[in-house]
Amino acid sequence: MAWVALVFAGVCEMFGVAMINKFHRDKNWQSFVLLVIGFGSSFIFLSMAMKTLPMGTAYAVWTGIGACGGALLGMILYGESKDWKRILFIMMILGAAIGLKLVA
């Protein structure tokens, strides 16, 4: 169950990052509220996961999901660069997160 909570925390982190971008573009209170909900939910799910998982592992995986997801959302939704080197490094981050899951 802790790993499910951790994945939800990462997805909420991705949502929060996307809402930062939306807030910078729109500058309205709805975007700000969604930003707070995204990051607040992310911290709640991370806290739930850390009741069982080691802090270092949980934080590294959560950060990896957020970083990779944010980069992918930028590529898909906002036309950011899809250079092969960028994709390679995203895959390396995901590989490291999977490795931590295998050894934790």
Protein backbone atom coordinates (compact mmCIF):
# COMPACT_ATOMS: atom_id res chain seq x y z
CA MET A 1 0.00 0.00 0.00
CA ALA A 2 2.91 2.35 0.72
CA TRP A 3 4.13 2.09 -2.87
CA VAL A 4 0.65 2.94 -4.19
CA ALA A 5 0.56 6.00 -1.91
CA LEU A 6 4.02 6.96 -3.15
CA VAL A 7 2.96 6.74 -6.80
CA PHE A 8 -0.12 8.87 -6.02
CA ALA A 9 2.17 11.36 -4.27
CA GLY A 10 4.31 11.54 -7.41
CA VAL A 11 1.29 12.03 -9.67
CA CYS A 12 0.01 14.81 -7.40
CA GLU A 13 3.48 16.38 -7.55
CA MET A 14 3.29 16.32 -11.36
CA PHE A 15 -0.13 17.98 -11.18
CA GLY A 16 1.21 20.64 -8.83
CA VAL A 17 4.09 21.40 -11.19
CA ALA A 18 1.68 21.70 -14.13
CA MET A 19 -0.44 24.08 -12.06
CA ILE A 20 2.61 26.27 -11.36
CA ASN A 21 2.95 26.71 -15.12
CA LYS A 22 -0.79 27.37 -15.48
CA PHE A 23 -0.71 29.89 -12.62
CA HIS A 24 2.18 31.77 -14.23
CA ARG A 25 0.22 32.00 -17.49
CA ASP A 26 -3.28 32.74 -16.16
CA LYS A 27 -2.63 34.44 -12.79
CA ASN A 28 -6.05 33.51 -11.41
CA TRP A 29 -7.13 32.15 -8.04
CA GLN A 30 -8.44 28.86 -9.51
CA SER A 31 -4.96 27.94 -10.75
CA PHE A 32 -3.50 28.86 -7.37
CA VAL A 33 -6.05 26.72 -5.51
CA LEU A 34 -5.33 23.76 -7.80
CA LEU A 35 -1.59 24.28 -7.23
CA VAL A 36 -2.08 24.15 -3.45
CA ILE A 37 -4.34 21.08 -3.72
CA GLY A 38 -1.80 19.29 -5.93
CA PHE A 39 1.18 19.88 -3.65
CA GLY A 40 -0.87 19.41 -0.47
CA SER A 41 -2.14 16.04 -1.70
CA SER A 42 1.37 15.12 -2.73
CA PHE A 43 2.73 15.73 0.77
CA ILE A 44 -0.15 13.83 2.39
CA PHE A 45 0.44 10.75 0.21
CA LEU A 46 4.21 11.01 0.71
CA SER A 47 3.67 11.11 4.46
CA MET A 48 1.49 8.00 4.25
CA ALA A 49 4.15 6.17 2.24
CA MET A 50 6.89 7.14 4.69
CA LYS A 51 5.10 5.35 7.53
CA THR A 52 6.37 2.12 5.95
CA LEU A 53 9.11 2.99 3.47
CA PRO A 54 12.52 4.37 4.41
CA MET A 55 12.66 8.15 4.12
CA GLY A 56 15.54 8.17 1.62
CA THR A 57 13.86 5.70 -0.71
CA ALA A 58 10.44 7.36 -0.51
CA TYR A 59 11.84 10.83 -1.10
CA ALA A 60 14.06 9.75 -4.00
CA VAL A 61 11.24 7.92 -5.77
CA TRP A 62 8.79 10.78 -5.15
CA THR A 63 11.27 13.30 -6.49
CA GLY A 64 12.03 11.08 -9.50
CA ILE A 65 8.37 10.70 -10.40
CA GLY A 66 7.82 14.45 -10.06
CA ALA A 67 10.93 15.38 -12.07
CA CYS A 68 10.31 12.89 -14.87
CA GLY A 69 6.60 13.61 -14.96
CA GLY A 70 7.16 17.36 -15.01
CA ALA A 71 9.64 17.05 -17.86
CA LEU A 72 7.31 14.78 -19.82
CA LEU A 73 4.34 17.08 -19.26
CA GLY A 74 6.45 19.98 -20.49
CA MET A 75 7.30 18.05 -23.65
CA ILE A 76 3.75 16.87 -24.29
CA LEU A 77 1.69 19.88 -23.24
CA TYR A 78 4.00 22.86 -23.61
CA GLY A 79 6.16 22.04 -26.62
CA GLU A 80 9.44 21.75 -24.73
CA SER A 81 12.42 20.08 -26.40
CA LYS A 82 12.14 16.33 -27.08
CA ASP A 83 15.88 15.91 -27.68
CA TRP A 84 17.11 12.31 -27.36
CA LYS A 85 19.57 13.32 -24.63
CA ARG A 86 16.78 14.74 -22.53
CA ILE A 87 14.77 11.54 -22.93
CA LEU A 88 17.85 9.45 -22.08
CA PHE A 89 18.33 11.28 -18.78
CA ILE A 90 14.63 10.96 -17.93
CA MET A 91 14.98 7.22 -18.49
CA MET A 92 18.03 7.18 -16.20
CA ILE A 93 16.03 8.86 -13.42
CA LEU A 94 13.23 6.32 -13.86
CA GLY A 95 15.76 3.48 -13.85
CA ALA A 96 17.20 4.74 -10.57
CA ALA A 97 13.71 4.94 -9.01
CA ILE A 98 12.96 1.38 -10.14
CA GLY A 99 16.30 0.26 -8.74
CA LEU A 100 15.44 1.77 -5.36
CA LYS A 101 12.13 -0.10 -5.41
CA LEU A 102 13.96 -3.36 -6.10
CA VAL A 103 16.37 -2.96 -3.20
CA ALA A 104 13.99 -1.40 -0.63
